[in-house]
N, C-alpha and C. Protein backbone atom coordinates (compact mmCIF):
# COMPACT_ATOMS: atom_id res chain seq x y z
N MET A 1 8.87 61.77 32.32
CA MET A 1 9.35 60.29 32.16
C MET A 1 8.31 59.84 30.89
N THR A 2 7.18 60.39 30.97
CA THR A 2 6.30 59.78 30.11
C THR A 2 6.74 60.07 28.66
N SER A 3 7.33 61.49 28.59
CA SER A 3 7.67 61.86 27.26
C SER A 3 8.83 61.05 26.81
N THR A 4 9.79 60.54 27.73
CA THR A 4 10.83 59.64 27.30
C THR A 4 10.32 58.17 26.74
N ILE A 5 9.45 57.83 27.43
CA ILE A 5 8.71 56.57 27.15
C ILE A 5 8.24 56.66 25.87
N PHE A 6 7.53 57.71 25.54
CA PHE A 6 6.86 58.12 24.05
C PHE A 6 8.02 58.33 23.01
N ILE A 7 9.09 58.65 23.47
CA ILE A 7 10.05 58.91 22.27
C ILE A 7 10.69 57.60 22.17
N GLN A 8 10.98 56.82 23.12
CA GLN A 8 11.51 55.28 23.08
C GLN A 8 10.43 54.43 22.06
N ASN A 9 9.19 54.84 22.44
CA ASN A 9 8.07 54.23 21.43
C ASN A 9 8.22 54.39 20.13
N LEU A 10 8.42 55.63 19.83
CA LEU A 10 8.53 56.12 18.46
C LEU A 10 9.93 55.53 17.73
N THR A 11 10.80 55.54 18.68
CA THR A 11 12.07 54.98 17.96
C THR A 11 11.96 53.51 17.60
N SER A 12 11.28 52.91 18.58
CA SER A 12 11.46 51.42 18.19
C SER A 12 10.24 51.22 16.87
N SER A 13 9.38 52.17 16.61
CA SER A 13 8.48 51.80 15.83
C SER A 13 9.07 52.66 14.27
N PRO A 14 8.65 51.84 13.20
CA PRO A 14 9.33 52.46 12.06
C PRO A 14 8.40 53.84 11.56
N ALA A 15 9.27 54.81 11.92
CA ALA A 15 8.45 56.15 11.47
C ALA A 15 9.31 56.94 10.59
N SER A 16 8.86 57.92 10.15
CA SER A 16 9.74 58.90 9.24
C SER A 16 10.47 59.96 10.05
N SER A 17 11.71 60.03 9.75
CA SER A 17 12.75 60.96 10.44
C SER A 17 12.11 62.26 11.06
N SER A 18 11.11 62.99 9.99
CA SER A 18 10.71 64.09 10.27
C SER A 18 9.65 63.94 11.61
N SER A 19 8.79 62.99 11.55
CA SER A 19 7.79 62.94 12.53
C SER A 19 8.46 62.68 13.90
N LEU A 20 9.47 61.97 13.92
CA LEU A 20 10.37 61.45 15.06
C LEU A 20 11.15 62.79 15.62
N GLN A 21 11.34 63.68 14.76
CA GLN A 21 12.24 64.83 15.20
C GLN A 21 11.12 65.70 15.62
N GLU A 22 9.85 65.85 15.20
CA GLU A 22 8.93 66.92 15.54
C GLU A 22 8.40 66.30 16.92
N ALA A 23 8.31 64.88 17.13
CA ALA A 23 8.03 64.50 18.36
C ALA A 23 8.98 64.66 19.56
N GLY A 24 10.18 64.58 18.95
CA GLY A 24 11.37 64.77 20.10
C GLY A 24 11.42 65.95 20.48
N GLU A 25 11.32 67.39 19.67
CA GLU A 25 11.29 68.29 19.97
C GLU A 25 10.29 68.71 20.90
N SER A 26 8.95 68.34 20.58
CA SER A 26 7.52 68.74 21.53
C SER A 26 8.06 67.90 23.14
N ALA A 27 8.61 66.68 22.95
CA ALA A 27 8.86 66.03 24.31
C ALA A 27 9.94 67.03 25.10
N ASP A 28 10.88 67.33 24.39
CA ASP A 28 11.98 68.10 24.89
C ASP A 28 11.56 69.46 25.57
N GLU A 29 10.66 70.01 24.85
CA GLU A 29 10.22 71.25 25.38
C GLU A 29 8.96 71.14 26.58
N HIS A 30 8.33 69.79 26.54
CA HIS A 30 7.60 69.59 27.61
C HIS A 30 8.49 69.21 29.04
N GLU A 31 9.57 68.73 28.68
CA GLU A 31 10.63 68.05 29.77
C GLU A 31 11.02 69.13 30.19
N ILE A 32 11.58 70.28 29.50
CA ILE A 32 12.04 71.52 30.11
C ILE A 32 11.01 72.27 31.01
N GLY A 33 9.86 72.49 30.39
CA GLY A 33 8.95 73.25 31.30
C GLY A 33 8.37 72.43 32.54
N GLU A 34 8.54 71.20 32.38
CA GLU A 34 8.05 70.32 33.53
C GLU A 34 9.02 70.20 34.67
N SER A 35 10.58 70.42 34.16
CA SER A 35 11.55 70.40 35.08
C SER A 35 11.78 71.54 35.86
N SER A 36 11.12 72.49 35.55
CA SER A 36 11.33 73.83 36.36
C SER A 36 10.16 73.76 37.61
N LEU A 37 9.51 72.87 37.72
CA LEU A 37 8.31 72.78 38.67
C LEU A 37 8.61 71.57 39.40
N SER A 38 8.34 71.66 40.62
CA SER A 38 8.32 70.60 41.60
C SER A 38 6.97 70.27 42.25
N PHE A 39 6.72 69.19 42.70
CA PHE A 39 5.49 68.67 43.26
C PHE A 39 5.59 68.67 44.77
N CYS A 40 4.63 69.23 45.55
CA CYS A 40 4.58 69.21 46.84
C CYS A 40 3.54 68.12 47.38
N GLU A 41 3.88 67.38 48.12
CA GLU A 41 3.20 66.32 48.61
C GLU A 41 2.21 66.62 49.59
N ILE A 42 2.46 67.92 50.22
CA ILE A 42 1.33 68.34 51.11
C ILE A 42 0.16 68.89 50.65
N CYS A 43 0.38 70.04 49.69
CA CYS A 43 -0.84 70.67 49.20
C CYS A 43 -1.13 70.11 47.66
N ALA A 44 -0.14 69.06 47.24
CA ALA A 44 -0.57 68.61 45.92
C ALA A 44 -0.34 69.54 44.67
N GLU A 45 0.33 70.59 44.89
CA GLU A 45 0.44 71.54 43.74
C GLU A 45 1.84 71.38 43.23
N ARG A 46 2.17 71.76 41.83
CA ARG A 46 3.32 71.99 41.40
C ARG A 46 3.67 73.60 41.51
N LYS A 47 4.97 73.73 42.02
CA LYS A 47 5.35 75.17 42.02
C LYS A 47 6.84 75.22 41.52
N GLU A 48 7.18 76.50 41.45
CA GLU A 48 8.51 76.88 40.83
C GLU A 48 9.49 76.45 41.95
N ILE A 49 10.78 76.29 41.50
CA ILE A 49 12.01 75.81 42.47
C ILE A 49 12.09 76.93 43.32
N ASP A 50 11.96 78.20 43.13
CA ASP A 50 12.38 79.05 44.11
C ASP A 50 11.26 78.96 45.19
N GLU A 51 10.09 78.44 45.26
CA GLU A 51 9.10 78.47 46.14
C GLU A 51 9.19 76.79 47.08
N ILE A 52 10.23 76.17 46.54
CA ILE A 52 10.25 74.71 47.03
C ILE A 52 11.52 74.60 48.06
N PHE A 53 11.19 74.09 49.35
CA PHE A 53 12.03 73.40 50.30
C PHE A 53 12.47 72.17 50.18
N THR A 54 13.76 71.87 50.06
CA THR A 54 14.47 70.46 50.01
C THR A 54 14.77 69.96 51.23
N ILE A 55 14.30 68.94 51.47
CA ILE A 55 14.89 68.26 52.97
C ILE A 55 16.24 67.35 52.53
N GLU A 56 17.52 67.82 53.18
CA GLU A 56 18.58 67.44 52.59
C GLU A 56 18.73 65.71 52.93
N ILE A 57 18.15 65.09 54.02
CA ILE A 57 18.65 63.87 54.56
C ILE A 57 17.73 63.07 53.56
N CYS A 58 16.49 63.16 53.20
CA CYS A 58 15.79 62.29 52.47
C CYS A 58 15.37 62.73 50.83
N SER A 59 15.65 64.00 50.78
CA SER A 59 15.50 64.64 49.39
C SER A 59 14.24 64.93 48.86
N HIS A 60 13.25 64.90 49.85
CA HIS A 60 11.65 65.15 49.71
C HIS A 60 11.53 66.82 49.38
N VAL A 61 10.81 67.11 48.73
CA VAL A 61 10.85 68.64 48.39
C VAL A 61 9.21 69.07 48.64
N PHE A 62 9.05 70.14 49.22
CA PHE A 62 7.66 70.67 49.69
C PHE A 62 7.72 72.35 49.26
N ARG A 63 6.66 72.62 49.26
CA ARG A 63 6.59 74.22 49.18
C ARG A 63 7.21 74.73 50.49
N THR A 64 7.76 76.14 50.48
CA THR A 64 8.32 76.58 51.82
C THR A 64 7.07 76.83 52.80
N ASP A 65 5.89 77.49 52.16
CA ASP A 65 4.93 77.57 53.03
C ASP A 65 4.15 76.46 53.75
N CYS A 66 4.27 75.29 52.91
CA CYS A 66 3.73 74.19 53.48
C CYS A 66 4.71 73.65 54.58
N ILE A 67 5.96 73.61 54.54
CA ILE A 67 6.87 73.52 55.58
C ILE A 67 6.58 74.24 56.85
N GLY A 68 6.37 75.47 56.62
CA GLY A 68 6.27 76.53 57.59
C GLY A 68 4.87 76.10 58.33
N LYS A 69 4.01 75.91 57.87
CA LYS A 69 2.70 75.32 58.50
C LYS A 69 2.87 74.15 59.18
N HIS A 70 3.55 73.14 58.60
CA HIS A 70 3.67 71.65 59.16
C HIS A 70 4.75 72.08 60.41
N VAL A 71 5.75 72.75 60.34
CA VAL A 71 6.56 73.11 61.73
C VAL A 71 5.87 74.04 62.77
N GLY A 72 5.23 74.83 62.29
CA GLY A 72 4.24 75.42 63.14
C GLY A 72 2.94 74.50 63.81
N THR A 73 2.56 73.76 63.15
CA THR A 73 1.57 72.71 63.82
C THR A 73 2.31 71.76 64.74
N LYS A 74 3.37 71.25 64.43
CA LYS A 74 4.19 70.47 65.46
C LYS A 74 4.57 71.43 66.83
N ILE A 75 4.76 72.71 66.57
CA ILE A 75 5.37 73.27 67.75
C ILE A 75 4.39 73.56 68.60
N GLN A 76 3.05 73.83 68.15
CA GLN A 76 1.88 74.00 68.87
C GLN A 76 1.44 72.66 69.63
N ASP A 77 1.94 71.59 69.32
CA ASP A 77 1.84 70.16 70.16
C ASP A 77 3.02 70.09 70.99
N ASN A 78 4.00 70.82 70.96
CA ASN A 78 5.40 70.88 71.96
C ASN A 78 6.09 69.72 71.42
N ILE A 79 6.00 69.47 69.88
CA ILE A 79 6.95 68.75 69.45
C ILE A 79 8.34 69.32 69.03
N HIS A 80 9.45 68.99 69.45
CA HIS A 80 10.57 69.63 69.19
C HIS A 80 11.52 68.93 67.97
N VAL A 81 11.25 67.52 67.74
CA VAL A 81 11.93 66.88 66.75
C VAL A 81 10.80 66.84 65.50
N MET A 82 11.31 67.59 64.57
CA MET A 82 10.53 67.85 63.45
C MET A 82 10.81 66.66 62.20
N THR A 83 9.82 65.87 61.87
CA THR A 83 9.85 64.69 61.18
C THR A 83 9.61 65.33 59.62
N CYS A 84 10.10 64.64 58.61
CA CYS A 84 9.74 64.85 57.31
C CYS A 84 8.12 64.56 56.93
N PRO A 85 7.44 65.30 56.48
CA PRO A 85 5.92 65.16 56.15
C PRO A 85 5.74 63.99 54.95
N GLY A 86 6.59 63.71 54.41
CA GLY A 86 6.70 62.50 53.36
C GLY A 86 6.03 61.43 53.85
N VAL A 87 5.38 60.75 53.09
CA VAL A 87 4.56 59.36 53.35
C VAL A 87 5.46 58.31 54.00
N ALA A 88 5.49 57.90 55.17
CA ALA A 88 6.44 56.94 55.67
C ALA A 88 7.84 57.20 55.67
N CYS A 89 8.12 58.54 55.71
CA CYS A 89 9.55 58.91 55.73
C CYS A 89 9.79 59.12 57.23
N ARG A 90 11.15 58.77 57.61
CA ARG A 90 11.51 59.11 58.76
C ARG A 90 12.69 60.19 58.88
N GLY A 91 12.91 60.85 58.00
CA GLY A 91 13.83 62.07 57.77
C GLY A 91 13.43 62.94 58.85
N THR A 92 14.48 63.87 59.27
CA THR A 92 14.26 65.17 60.33
C THR A 92 14.63 66.20 59.51
N LEU A 93 13.80 67.26 60.11
CA LEU A 93 14.05 68.62 59.57
C LEU A 93 15.18 69.39 60.46
N ASP A 94 16.07 70.16 59.98
CA ASP A 94 17.27 70.38 60.71
C ASP A 94 16.81 72.08 61.24
N PHE A 95 16.76 72.63 62.50
CA PHE A 95 16.51 73.87 62.85
C PHE A 95 17.15 74.95 61.94
N GLU A 96 18.39 75.00 61.70
CA GLU A 96 19.15 76.00 61.10
C GLU A 96 18.72 76.19 59.59
N THR A 97 18.47 74.97 58.90
CA THR A 97 18.11 75.06 57.62
C THR A 97 16.60 75.72 57.68
N CYS A 98 15.78 75.27 58.54
CA CYS A 98 14.32 75.61 58.38
C CYS A 98 14.09 77.08 59.08
N SER A 99 15.08 77.42 59.85
CA SER A 99 14.85 78.99 60.39
C SER A 99 14.95 80.04 59.33
N LEU A 100 15.26 79.61 58.24
CA LEU A 100 15.28 80.65 57.28
C LEU A 100 13.94 80.88 56.53
N ILE A 101 13.14 80.04 56.61
CA ILE A 101 11.46 79.87 56.02
C ILE A 101 10.65 79.97 56.89
N ILE A 102 10.87 79.56 58.15
CA ILE A 102 9.74 79.76 59.11
C ILE A 102 9.68 81.06 59.71
N PRO A 103 8.14 81.34 60.20
CA PRO A 103 7.78 82.69 60.88
C PRO A 103 8.82 82.92 61.96
N LYS A 104 9.10 84.02 62.39
CA LYS A 104 9.97 84.29 63.42
C LYS A 104 9.39 83.67 64.68
N ASP A 105 7.89 83.92 64.92
CA ASP A 105 7.65 83.33 66.31
C ASP A 105 7.47 81.89 66.38
N VAL A 106 7.35 81.30 65.22
CA VAL A 106 7.79 79.65 65.46
C VAL A 106 9.08 79.36 65.33
N ARG A 107 9.92 80.39 64.87
CA ARG A 107 11.42 79.85 64.88
C ARG A 107 11.74 80.00 66.58
N ASN A 108 11.30 81.21 67.12
CA ASN A 108 11.48 81.28 68.76
C ASN A 108 10.84 80.07 69.28
N ARG A 109 9.91 79.84 69.33
CA ARG A 109 9.20 78.73 70.07
C ARG A 109 9.81 77.34 69.95
N TRP A 110 10.17 76.99 68.46
CA TRP A 110 10.99 75.79 68.24
C TRP A 110 12.47 75.93 69.09
N GLU A 111 13.14 77.05 69.01
CA GLU A 111 14.46 77.17 69.69
C GLU A 111 13.95 77.03 71.20
N GLU A 112 13.05 77.40 71.76
CA GLU A 112 12.66 77.03 73.07
C GLU A 112 12.39 75.84 73.55
N LEU A 113 11.65 75.25 72.76
CA LEU A 113 11.46 73.70 72.69
C LEU A 113 12.91 72.87 72.77
N LEU A 114 13.73 73.30 71.67
CA LEU A 114 14.95 72.59 71.60
C LEU A 114 16.01 72.84 73.17
N CYS A 115 15.92 73.84 73.43
CA CYS A 115 16.48 74.29 74.81
C CYS A 115 15.98 73.38 75.86
N GLU A 116 14.55 73.26 76.11
CA GLU A 116 14.00 72.68 76.86
C GLU A 116 14.13 71.12 76.85
N SER A 117 14.25 70.47 75.64
CA SER A 117 14.58 69.21 75.55
C SER A 117 15.94 68.60 76.10
N LEU A 118 16.88 69.78 76.38
CA LEU A 118 18.16 69.27 76.63
C LEU A 118 18.20 69.25 78.54
N ILE A 119 17.14 69.70 78.99
CA ILE A 119 17.08 69.71 80.50
C ILE A 119 16.40 68.30 80.90
N LEU A 120 16.82 67.53 81.83
CA LEU A 120 16.41 66.44 82.21
C LEU A 120 14.98 66.65 82.96
N ALA A 121 14.13 65.73 82.78
CA ALA A 121 12.63 65.85 83.43
C ALA A 121 12.75 66.07 84.81
N SER A 122 13.87 65.44 85.27
CA SER A 122 13.75 65.63 86.93
C SER A 122 14.15 66.93 87.72
N GLN A 123 14.94 67.68 86.40
CA GLN A 123 15.24 69.05 86.95
C GLN A 123 14.36 70.23 86.75
N LYS A 124 13.04 69.65 85.81
CA LYS A 124 12.18 70.84 85.60
C LYS A 124 10.98 70.78 86.50
N PHE A 125 10.67 72.10 86.94
CA PHE A 125 9.48 72.18 87.61
C PHE A 125 8.80 73.56 86.79
N TYR A 126 7.58 73.88 87.29
CA TYR A 126 6.93 74.92 86.81
C TYR A 126 6.35 76.01 87.91
N CYS A 127 6.36 77.12 87.61
CA CYS A 127 6.07 78.12 88.63
C CYS A 127 4.74 77.92 88.97
N PRO A 128 4.21 78.11 90.41
CA PRO A 128 2.93 77.64 90.57
C PRO A 128 1.92 78.54 90.65
N TYR A 129 2.46 79.73 90.33
CA TYR A 129 1.30 81.03 90.08
C TYR A 129 0.63 80.73 88.71
N LYS A 130 -0.59 80.84 88.99
CA LYS A 130 -1.75 80.49 87.85
C LYS A 130 -1.37 81.36 86.30
N ASP A 131 -1.07 82.61 86.60
CA ASP A 131 -0.95 83.53 85.47
C ASP A 131 0.67 83.42 85.13
N CYS A 132 1.68 82.57 85.56
CA CYS A 132 2.90 82.64 85.19
C CYS A 132 3.18 80.95 84.39
N SER A 133 3.25 79.97 85.25
CA SER A 133 3.66 78.96 84.85
C SER A 133 4.88 78.64 84.04
N ALA A 134 5.87 79.57 84.25
CA ALA A 134 7.12 79.45 83.59
C ALA A 134 7.84 78.06 84.03
N MET A 135 8.71 77.68 83.17
CA MET A 135 9.35 76.36 83.52
C MET A 135 10.59 76.93 84.24
N LEU A 136 11.07 76.11 85.27
CA LEU A 136 12.33 76.83 85.93
C LEU A 136 12.83 75.36 86.19
N VAL A 137 14.49 75.69 86.47
CA VAL A 137 15.02 74.42 86.31
C VAL A 137 15.82 74.24 87.87
N ASP A 138 15.95 73.04 88.39
CA ASP A 138 16.35 72.91 89.68
C ASP A 138 18.10 72.58 89.40
N ASP A 139 18.98 73.42 89.34
CA ASP A 139 20.21 73.22 89.09
C ASP A 139 21.12 72.87 90.55
N SER A 140 20.16 72.91 91.59
CA SER A 140 21.31 72.63 92.66
C SER A 140 21.89 71.31 92.82
N ASP A 141 23.17 71.23 93.25
CA ASP A 141 23.52 69.88 93.30
C ASP A 141 23.55 69.36 94.86
N ILE A 142 22.72 70.11 95.64
CA ILE A 142 22.70 69.62 96.98
C ILE A 142 21.84 68.62 97.05
N ILE A 143 22.33 67.73 97.82
CA ILE A 143 21.13 66.60 98.07
C ILE A 143 20.79 66.60 99.58
N SER A 144 19.61 66.45 99.76
CA SER A 144 19.42 66.82 101.23
C SER A 144 18.62 65.11 101.62
N TYR A 145 19.02 64.74 103.00
CA TYR A 145 18.43 63.67 103.62
C TYR A 145 17.62 63.84 104.64
N ARG A 146 16.63 63.18 104.72
CA ARG A 146 15.79 63.22 106.00
C ARG A 146 16.22 62.08 106.93
N ILE A 147 16.68 62.36 108.12
CA ILE A 147 16.92 61.44 109.31
C ILE A 147 15.77 61.13 110.17
């Protein structure tokens, strides 16, 4: 964008056509070189397009490694809804889209969290053994009454 402003300033000022052409060529070359790089808001680095992950909902772009770490951190906190790490963004990350770039263990844990989130809290209970604590589901429809 800076190069575009630079060219506009050159066009509005009286300059020779040769200097305008030279400035235009260098600005175009600069734009081409810069356009192949995208800025990651997490690590603040510019990376090639093949290293970038775009969130479809909000169009924010981040390095694939950074998104993988972001999702991994959220998973460690038992959060199943992944929000966009963009500043003040409310976009969400889709499991299917992210599953291609996140590590297998993170993908499996996220999938477990998504499944667990579908079960009502009143139906969940945990194994009482110390070395187990697996989540169990009370799927009985029997209602018992004490008289």
